[in-house]
Amino acid sequence: MENASTKEVIKGFDLTKFVLSFFVVAIHTELFGEYIYPIVRIAVPLYFIISSYIFFENLKGKDSKEKNQILKKIYKKKFIALSFLVYSAFAYHYHRKRIFFDGVVRVS
């Protein structure tokens, strides 16, 4: 059972993750320029650390059967995401020549 202080910490982490998502957008769009780039680069590792903490905090107090069900669900989501990425890479490689060189999209 979670106490009130743990819930407050998780709410604070959610707010931090929200701010970090803007940092990730800033990384990809070069919004702040090169001077602030080293500071915003902390967003991705910190996001993963916070997400892992929240995940393992939710596993506390559950028996092994419930933990296994949760982990299976997580692994299923990760497998689907990974297979989508792999398929996208193959689809891009296969269709790249047809799209860009057969006149469907003309780049001037």
Protein backbone atom coordinates (compact mmCIF):
# COMPACT_ATOMS: atom_id res chain seq x y z
CA MET A 1 0.00 0.00 0.00
CA GLU A 2 1.35 3.39 -0.98
CA ASN A 3 1.51 6.17 1.54
CA ALA A 4 0.84 9.85 0.84
CA SER A 5 4.49 10.85 0.51
CA THR A 6 5.14 8.19 -2.17
CA LYS A 7 2.18 9.46 -4.18
CA GLU A 8 3.53 13.02 -3.91
CA VAL A 9 6.94 11.87 -5.15
CA ILE A 10 5.37 10.09 -8.11
CA LYS A 11 3.32 13.21 -8.96
CA GLY A 12 6.52 15.23 -8.84
CA PHE A 13 8.18 12.70 -11.13
CA ASP A 14 5.28 12.97 -13.57
CA LEU A 15 5.72 16.73 -13.71
CA THR A 16 9.47 16.29 -14.21
CA LYS A 17 8.87 13.82 -17.04
CA PHE A 18 6.52 16.35 -18.66
CA VAL A 19 9.24 19.03 -18.58
CA LEU A 20 11.82 16.53 -19.86
CA SER A 21 9.60 15.77 -22.85
CA PHE A 22 10.00 19.41 -23.91
CA PHE A 23 13.76 19.02 -23.53
CA VAL A 24 13.65 16.05 -25.91
CA VAL A 25 11.74 18.14 -28.46
CA ALA A 26 14.34 20.89 -27.99
CA ILE A 27 17.11 18.38 -28.70
CA HIS A 28 15.56 17.30 -31.98
CA THR A 29 14.55 20.78 -33.16
CA GLU A 30 17.66 22.59 -31.90
CA LEU A 31 15.34 25.07 -30.24
CA PHE A 32 17.80 26.51 -27.72
CA GLY A 33 20.94 26.42 -29.82
CA GLU A 34 24.26 24.82 -29.06
CA TYR A 35 24.94 26.51 -25.73
CA ILE A 36 22.14 24.85 -23.77
CA TYR A 37 22.45 21.54 -25.66
CA PRO A 38 24.57 19.80 -22.96
CA ILE A 39 21.94 20.62 -20.33
CA VAL A 40 18.94 19.35 -22.31
CA ARG A 41 20.77 16.12 -23.18
CA ILE A 42 20.17 14.93 -19.61
CA ALA A 43 16.49 14.52 -20.49
CA VAL A 44 16.59 11.04 -22.03
CA PRO A 45 18.65 9.23 -19.34
CA LEU A 46 16.75 10.97 -16.55
CA TYR A 47 13.43 10.07 -18.16
CA PHE A 48 14.41 6.38 -18.23
CA ILE A 49 15.67 6.47 -14.63
CA ILE A 50 12.43 8.03 -13.37
CA SER A 51 10.27 5.61 -15.38
CA SER A 52 12.20 2.65 -13.99
CA TYR A 53 11.81 3.92 -10.44
CA ILE A 54 8.05 4.31 -10.87
CA PHE A 55 7.80 0.85 -12.47
CA PHE A 56 9.66 -0.92 -9.67
CA GLU A 57 7.84 1.10 -7.02
CA ASN A 58 4.58 -0.28 -8.42
CA LEU A 59 5.95 -3.84 -8.20
CA LYS A 60 6.55 -3.57 -4.46
CA GLY A 61 4.18 -5.61 -2.33
CA LYS A 62 2.99 -7.88 -5.15
CA ASP A 63 3.48 -11.62 -5.24
CA SER A 64 5.56 -13.30 -7.92
CA LYS A 65 2.54 -14.32 -10.02
CA GLU A 66 1.37 -10.71 -10.32
CA LYS A 67 4.93 -9.56 -11.06
CA ASN A 68 5.23 -12.13 -13.84
CA GLN A 69 1.93 -11.00 -15.39
CA ILE A 70 3.06 -7.36 -15.31
CA LEU A 71 6.44 -8.25 -16.83
CA LYS A 72 4.79 -10.31 -19.59
CA LYS A 73 2.61 -7.34 -20.47
CA ILE A 74 5.66 -5.05 -20.57
CA TYR A 75 7.65 -7.51 -22.70
CA LYS A 76 4.73 -7.83 -25.11
CA LYS A 77 4.58 -4.05 -25.56
CA LYS A 78 8.35 -3.85 -26.07
CA PHE A 79 8.27 -6.70 -28.61
CA ILE A 80 5.51 -4.99 -30.59
CA ALA A 81 7.42 -1.69 -30.60
CA LEU A 82 10.68 -3.40 -31.61
CA SER A 83 9.02 -5.37 -34.40
CA PHE A 84 7.42 -2.15 -35.69
CA LEU A 85 10.83 -0.46 -35.78
CA VAL A 86 12.47 -3.39 -37.57
CA TYR A 87 9.62 -3.61 -40.08
CA SER A 88 9.77 0.15 -40.66
CA ALA A 89 13.48 -0.04 -41.44
CA PHE A 90 12.92 -2.82 -43.99
CA ALA A 91 9.92 -1.03 -45.51
CA TYR A 92 11.87 2.21 -45.83
CA HIS A 93 14.81 0.42 -47.44
CA TYR A 94 12.54 -1.43 -49.88
CA HIS A 95 10.36 1.53 -50.87
CA ARG A 96 13.04 4.22 -50.79
CA LYS A 97 14.15 3.73 -54.39
CA ARG A 98 10.61 3.48 -55.72
CA ILE A 99 9.39 6.59 -53.94
CA PHE A 100 12.33 8.90 -54.56
CA PHE A 101 13.61 7.71 -57.94
CA ASP A 102 10.50 6.64 -59.89
CA GLY A 103 9.02 10.10 -59.94
CA VAL A 104 6.46 9.76 -57.16
CA VAL A 105 8.22 12.47 -55.16
CA ARG A 106 10.45 14.88 -57.00
CA VAL A 107 13.13 16.68 -55.07
CA SER A 108 14.46 19.75 -56.82
